[in-house]
Amino acid sequence: MIPVGEKEIRGSFVNCSKGEARRINLPRSLPETPWADLDFLGWLDPGAPDRGYLVTERRGELVGVTLRLSREVHRSYAKSTVCSICVTPHAGTGISLFVAPRAGAAGRQGNTVGTYMCADLACSLYVRDIRKTELGVRFETLGNEERIMRVVVNLESFLDKVFDGDLSSGAA
């Protein structure tokens, strides 16, 4: 991912108002972000633990999406679950259901889409084996580049659902 600053991040959000985007708490570690290792920038709001955000490049543009953690999903501490974006297995509560308001009129009407993601939104670091889960070693035959491409495709699929029906978003 290309390095981006605060202004670009705040201007990229497609499923919230400009006022809401101005009030988003950006990651404190933004200057130290390992941009070369990221397919998207994802973080949890330190002031509101039920909120998350992701920013990525999509079709040549920077796109930001606000997320909410669903508190209705109860995970077993004894079972493992898999992230829908990076397909990394996690033990217990390492996966969360994140729900995003849809872009445009559909989102203003309260329509949302959701996906199960790594609870810390660090999918890019897991597929590159920079960060490890509680389960340890990854058991799959895909190489690093194929795992990275899978993250990009799965994230694009989720973003397609966020944009679905909003012609002003540039979605095809």
Protein backbone atom coordinates (compact mmCIF):
# COMPACT_ATOMS: atom_id res chain seq x y z
CA MET A 1 0.00 0.00 0.00
CA ILE A 2 1.23 3.51 -0.74
CA PRO A 3 1.88 5.72 2.31
CA VAL A 4 -1.01 8.07 3.04
CA GLY A 5 -1.47 10.90 5.50
CA GLU A 6 -4.24 12.09 7.77
CA LYS A 7 -5.89 14.32 5.16
CA GLU A 8 -6.06 11.54 2.56
CA ILE A 9 -7.38 9.05 5.10
CA ARG A 10 -10.13 11.36 6.36
CA GLY A 11 -11.16 12.23 2.79
CA SER A 12 -11.39 8.59 1.74
CA PHE A 13 -14.38 7.43 3.81
CA VAL A 14 -17.38 6.46 1.70
CA ASN A 15 -19.90 5.27 4.27
CA CYS A 16 -20.01 8.14 6.75
CA SER A 17 -20.46 11.90 6.67
CA LYS A 18 -17.55 14.31 6.32
CA GLY A 19 -18.16 15.42 9.91
CA GLU A 20 -17.94 11.84 11.15
CA ALA A 21 -14.74 11.32 9.13
CA ARG A 22 -13.18 14.41 10.78
CA ARG A 23 -13.90 12.93 14.23
CA ILE A 24 -12.38 9.50 13.56
CA ASN A 25 -9.48 8.68 15.86
CA LEU A 26 -6.60 7.78 13.56
CA PRO A 27 -3.99 5.24 14.63
CA ARG A 28 -1.44 6.78 16.97
CA SER A 29 1.30 4.85 15.21
CA LEU A 30 0.48 6.24 11.74
CA PRO A 31 4.00 7.66 11.19
CA GLU A 32 5.54 4.23 11.92
CA THR A 33 3.09 2.28 9.73
CA PRO A 34 4.82 -0.50 7.70
CA TRP A 35 3.14 0.55 4.42
CA ALA A 36 5.07 -1.93 2.25
CA ASP A 37 3.59 -4.82 4.28
CA LEU A 38 -0.03 -3.67 4.06
CA ASP A 39 -2.79 -4.46 1.60
CA PHE A 40 -5.05 -2.20 3.65
CA LEU A 41 -4.70 -0.04 6.74
CA GLY A 42 -7.00 -1.36 9.44
CA TRP A 43 -7.34 -0.19 13.04
CA LEU A 44 -9.66 -0.20 16.02
CA ASP A 45 -10.71 3.10 17.56
CA PRO A 46 -8.92 3.42 20.91
CA GLY A 47 -11.70 5.68 22.20
CA ALA A 48 -14.55 3.46 21.03
CA PRO A 49 -13.61 -0.23 21.08
CA ASP A 50 -16.70 -1.23 19.09
CA ARG A 51 -15.51 0.78 16.05
CA GLY A 52 -12.96 -0.13 13.43
CA TYR A 53 -11.81 1.37 10.18
CA LEU A 54 -10.09 0.23 7.04
CA VAL A 55 -8.53 2.22 4.22
CA THR A 56 -7.32 0.69 0.97
CA GLU A 57 -6.69 1.40 -2.66
CA ARG A 58 -9.63 0.37 -4.83
CA ARG A 59 -9.77 0.88 -8.58
CA GLY A 60 -7.10 3.57 -8.42
CA GLU A 61 -8.68 5.50 -5.56
CA LEU A 62 -8.21 5.55 -1.81
CA VAL A 63 -11.33 4.18 -0.10
CA GLY A 64 -12.09 4.22 3.61
CA VAL A 65 -14.84 2.23 5.32
CA THR A 66 -16.16 2.59 8.86
CA LEU A 67 -16.88 -0.66 10.68
CA ARG A 68 -18.73 -1.68 13.83
CA LEU A 69 -18.02 -4.79 15.83
CA SER A 70 -21.12 -6.86 16.29
CA ARG A 71 -21.55 -7.69 19.95
CA GLU A 72 -24.33 -10.18 19.20
CA VAL A 73 -21.93 -12.89 18.02
CA HIS A 74 -20.66 -15.07 20.85
CA ARG A 75 -17.50 -17.02 20.16
CA SER A 76 -16.33 -20.12 21.94
CA TYR A 77 -12.95 -19.82 23.59
CA ALA A 78 -12.33 -23.49 22.84
CA LYS A 79 -12.97 -23.43 19.07
CA SER A 80 -10.99 -21.86 16.28
CA THR A 81 -12.45 -19.61 13.56
CA VAL A 82 -11.16 -18.35 10.21
CA CYS A 83 -10.98 -14.81 8.85
CA SER A 84 -13.02 -14.28 5.67
CA ILE A 85 -10.44 -11.87 4.27
CA CYS A 86 -7.06 -13.53 4.90
CA VAL A 87 -8.24 -17.06 5.78
CA THR A 88 -6.06 -17.07 8.90
CA PRO A 89 -7.28 -19.40 11.65
CA HIS A 90 -7.57 -17.92 15.13
CA ALA A 91 -8.36 -19.43 18.48
CA GLY A 92 -11.25 -18.15 20.56
CA THR A 93 -12.04 -14.49 20.04
CA GLY A 94 -9.38 -13.77 17.39
CA ILE A 95 -12.12 -13.27 14.78
CA SER A 96 -14.90 -10.66 15.01
CA LEU A 97 -17.94 -9.90 12.91
CA PHE A 98 -17.42 -6.42 11.47
CA VAL A 99 -20.46 -4.65 10.03
CA ALA A 100 -20.20 -1.71 7.63
CA PRO A 101 -22.95 0.71 6.60
CA ARG A 102 -23.39 0.54 2.83
CA ALA A 103 -22.27 3.53 0.81
CA GLY A 104 -24.74 6.11 -0.43
CA ALA A 105 -28.51 6.10 0.00
CA ALA A 106 -28.62 2.45 1.10
CA GLY A 107 -26.35 3.21 4.05
CA ARG A 108 -28.34 6.29 4.99
CA GLN A 109 -31.40 4.01 5.14
CA GLY A 110 -29.57 1.77 7.62
CA ASN A 111 -28.49 -1.05 5.30
CA THR A 112 -25.29 -2.82 6.31
CA VAL A 113 -23.05 -5.68 5.21
CA GLY A 114 -20.77 -7.73 7.41
CA THR A 115 -17.83 -10.08 7.31
CA TYR A 116 -15.75 -12.04 9.78
CA MET A 117 -12.26 -10.55 10.04
CA CYS A 118 -9.20 -10.76 12.25
CA ALA A 119 -10.26 -8.94 15.43
CA ASP A 120 -7.18 -6.67 15.25
CA LEU A 121 -7.64 -5.96 11.49
CA ALA A 122 -4.04 -7.07 10.86
CA CYS A 123 -4.81 -9.48 8.01
CA SER A 124 -1.89 -8.19 5.92
CA LEU A 125 0.58 -9.02 8.67
CA TYR A 126 -0.83 -12.51 9.22
CA VAL A 127 -0.58 -13.53 5.54
CA ARG A 128 3.03 -12.34 5.46
CA ASP A 129 3.82 -14.26 8.68
CA ILE A 130 4.90 -11.02 10.35
CA ARG A 131 2.30 -11.56 13.05
CA LYS A 132 1.38 -15.01 14.37
CA THR A 133 -1.89 -16.23 15.83
CA GLU A 134 -2.32 -18.19 19.03
CA LEU A 135 -2.55 -21.32 16.87
CA GLY A 136 0.98 -20.87 15.55
CA VAL A 137 1.92 -22.35 12.19
CA ARG A 138 -0.18 -21.92 9.04
CA PHE A 139 -1.24 -25.20 7.39
CA GLU A 140 -1.74 -24.47 3.71
CA THR A 141 0.18 -24.95 0.49
CA LEU A 142 -0.32 -21.49 -1.01
CA GLY A 143 2.77 -19.35 -1.31
CA ASN A 144 3.10 -15.84 0.10
CA GLU A 145 2.12 -14.07 -3.15
CA GLU A 146 -0.98 -16.23 -3.57
CA ARG A 147 -2.08 -15.56 0.01
CA ILE A 148 -1.60 -11.81 -0.52
CA MET A 149 -3.63 -11.96 -3.75
CA ARG A 150 -6.38 -13.82 -1.87
CA VAL A 151 -6.54 -10.97 0.68
CA VAL A 152 -6.89 -8.43 -2.13
CA VAL A 153 -9.65 -10.44 -3.88
CA ASN A 154 -11.58 -11.14 -0.65
CA LEU A 155 -11.37 -7.51 0.47
CA GLU A 156 -12.52 -6.36 -2.97
CA SER A 157 -15.49 -8.72 -2.70
CA PHE A 158 -16.44 -7.21 0.68
CA LEU A 159 -16.06 -3.66 -0.68
CA ASP A 160 -18.25 -4.57 -3.67
CA LYS A 161 -21.01 -5.34 -1.16
CA VAL A 162 -20.46 -2.02 0.63
CA PHE A 163 -20.76 -0.18 -2.70
CA ASP A 164 -23.54 -2.35 -4.20
CA GLY A 165 -26.20 -0.17 -5.73
CA ASP A 166 -24.36 3.14 -5.14
CA LEU A 167 -23.65 4.42 -8.65
CA SER A 168 -21.94 7.57 -7.36
CA SER A 169 -19.13 5.48 -5.81
CA GLY A 170 -17.57 4.54 -9.14
CA ALA A 171 -18.48 0.89 -8.64
CA ALA A 172 -18.89 -1.10 -11.81
